[in-house]
Each structure stands twice: as structure tokens, then as C-alpha cells.
Amino acid sequence: MAVQQRRVSKTRKAKRRTHYKLAAPTLVKCPSCGEFKLPHHVCECGHYESKKN
């Protein structure tokens, strides 16, 4: 089993954890109602690519 020989500095620990964050989802406006929605998804009003489904 590996045993730690030295203390890991705060900077080194932070460099290792830079990707531990949440990314905000991409949102686009619906052309028909103007509400924000995920791209390539049907809007709450029922439109997809300016067509009523």
C-alpha cells in the first residue's frame, strides 16, 4: 500500500481538481414563443425547428 511521504500543497491539490466544476447548460430561445430551451429539443409550446409537432 502506498504511504504519503510529503504533504501535498494547496496549489498542487487545486491544479489536480480544476475540472471539478459544473458547466452551465447551453440554452437557446424558441423562435415562436421566445422561451429558453435546450438545443435540438422540443419546446414547451410544442415547436421544433419552427414546426408545430
C-alpha atoms as a PDB file:
ATOM      1  CA  MET A   1       0.000   0.000   0.000  1.00  0.00           C
ATOM      2  CA  ALA A   2       1.323   3.461  -0.888  1.00  0.00           C
ATOM      3  CA  VAL A   3       2.136   5.752   2.011  1.00  0.00           C
ATOM      4  CA  GLN A   4       2.304   9.521   1.579  1.00  0.00           C
ATOM      5  CA  GLN A   5       5.876  10.779   2.068  1.00  0.00           C
ATOM      6  CA  ARG A   6       5.248  14.536   1.904  1.00  0.00           C
ATOM      7  CA  ARG A   7       2.338  16.885   2.413  1.00  0.00           C
ATOM      8  CA  VAL A   8       0.621  17.929  -0.832  1.00  0.00           C
ATOM      9  CA  SER A   9       0.497  21.715  -1.177  1.00  0.00           C
ATOM     10  CA  LYS A  10      -2.794  23.577  -1.661  1.00  0.00           C
ATOM     11  CA  THR A  11      -1.680  24.726  -5.118  1.00  0.00           C
ATOM     12  CA  ARG A  12      -0.821  21.223  -6.295  1.00  0.00           C
ATOM     13  CA  LYS A  13      -4.114  19.875  -4.965  1.00  0.00           C
ATOM     14  CA  ALA A  14      -6.043  22.699  -6.669  1.00  0.00           C
ATOM     15  CA  LYS A  15      -4.326  22.033 -10.013  1.00  0.00           C
ATOM     16  CA  ARG A  16      -5.469  18.433  -9.866  1.00  0.00           C
ATOM     17  CA  ARG A  17      -9.059  19.455  -9.122  1.00  0.00           C
ATOM     18  CA  THR A  18      -9.557  22.195 -11.731  1.00  0.00           C
ATOM     19  CA  HIS A  19     -12.088  20.110 -13.683  1.00  0.00           C
ATOM     20  CA  TYR A  20     -14.301  19.510 -10.592  1.00  0.00           C
ATOM     21  CA  LYS A  21     -16.901  22.088 -11.556  1.00  0.00           C
ATOM     22  CA  LEU A  22     -20.360  22.236 -13.075  1.00  0.00           C
ATOM     23  CA  ALA A  23     -20.916  23.598 -16.557  1.00  0.00           C
ATOM     24  CA  ALA A  24     -23.982  25.722 -17.243  1.00  0.00           C
ATOM     25  CA  PRO A  25     -26.279  24.126 -19.850  1.00  0.00           C
ATOM     26  CA  THR A  26     -26.457  25.758 -23.286  1.00  0.00           C
ATOM     27  CA  LEU A  27     -29.821  27.441 -23.797  1.00  0.00           C
ATOM     28  CA  VAL A  28     -31.353  28.916 -26.951  1.00  0.00           C
ATOM     29  CA  LYS A  29     -34.521  30.965 -27.449  1.00  0.00           C
ATOM     30  CA  CYS A  30     -37.513  29.338 -29.093  1.00  0.00           C
ATOM     31  CA  PRO A  31     -38.305  31.270 -32.292  1.00  0.00           C
ATOM     32  CA  SER A  32     -42.064  31.001 -31.775  1.00  0.00           C
ATOM     33  CA  CYS A  33     -42.617  31.738 -28.057  1.00  0.00           C
ATOM     34  CA  GLY A  34     -39.225  33.169 -27.002  1.00  0.00           C
ATOM     35  CA  GLU A  35     -38.783  30.798 -24.066  1.00  0.00           C
ATOM     36  CA  PHE A  36     -35.307  29.374 -23.364  1.00  0.00           C
ATOM     37  CA  LYS A  37     -34.878  25.690 -24.178  1.00  0.00           C
ATOM     38  CA  LEU A  38     -32.135  23.128 -24.784  1.00  0.00           C
ATOM     39  CA  PRO A  39     -30.910  22.983 -28.397  1.00  0.00           C
ATOM     40  CA  HIS A  40     -32.325  20.118 -30.509  1.00  0.00           C
ATOM     41  CA  HIS A  41     -35.241  19.595 -28.080  1.00  0.00           C
ATOM     42  CA  VAL A  42     -38.957  20.287 -28.460  1.00  0.00           C
ATOM     43  CA  CYS A  43     -40.074  23.492 -26.724  1.00  0.00           C
ATOM     44  CA  GLU A  44     -42.874  23.633 -24.125  1.00  0.00           C
ATOM     45  CA  CYS A  45     -45.090  25.274 -26.768  1.00  0.00           C
ATOM     46  CA  GLY A  46     -44.651  22.177 -28.985  1.00  0.00           C
ATOM     47  CA  HIS A  47     -42.432  23.686 -31.685  1.00  0.00           C
ATOM     48  CA  TYR A  48     -39.284  22.073 -33.081  1.00  0.00           C
ATOM     49  CA  GLU A  49     -37.293  23.866 -35.821  1.00  0.00           C
ATOM     50  CA  SER A  50     -40.196  26.312 -36.353  1.00  0.00           C
ATOM     51  CA  LYS A  51     -42.660  23.449 -36.937  1.00  0.00           C
ATOM     52  CA  LYS A  52     -45.610  22.566 -34.691  1.00  0.00           C
ATOM     53  CA  ASN A  53     -45.469  18.938 -33.502  1.00  0.00           C
END
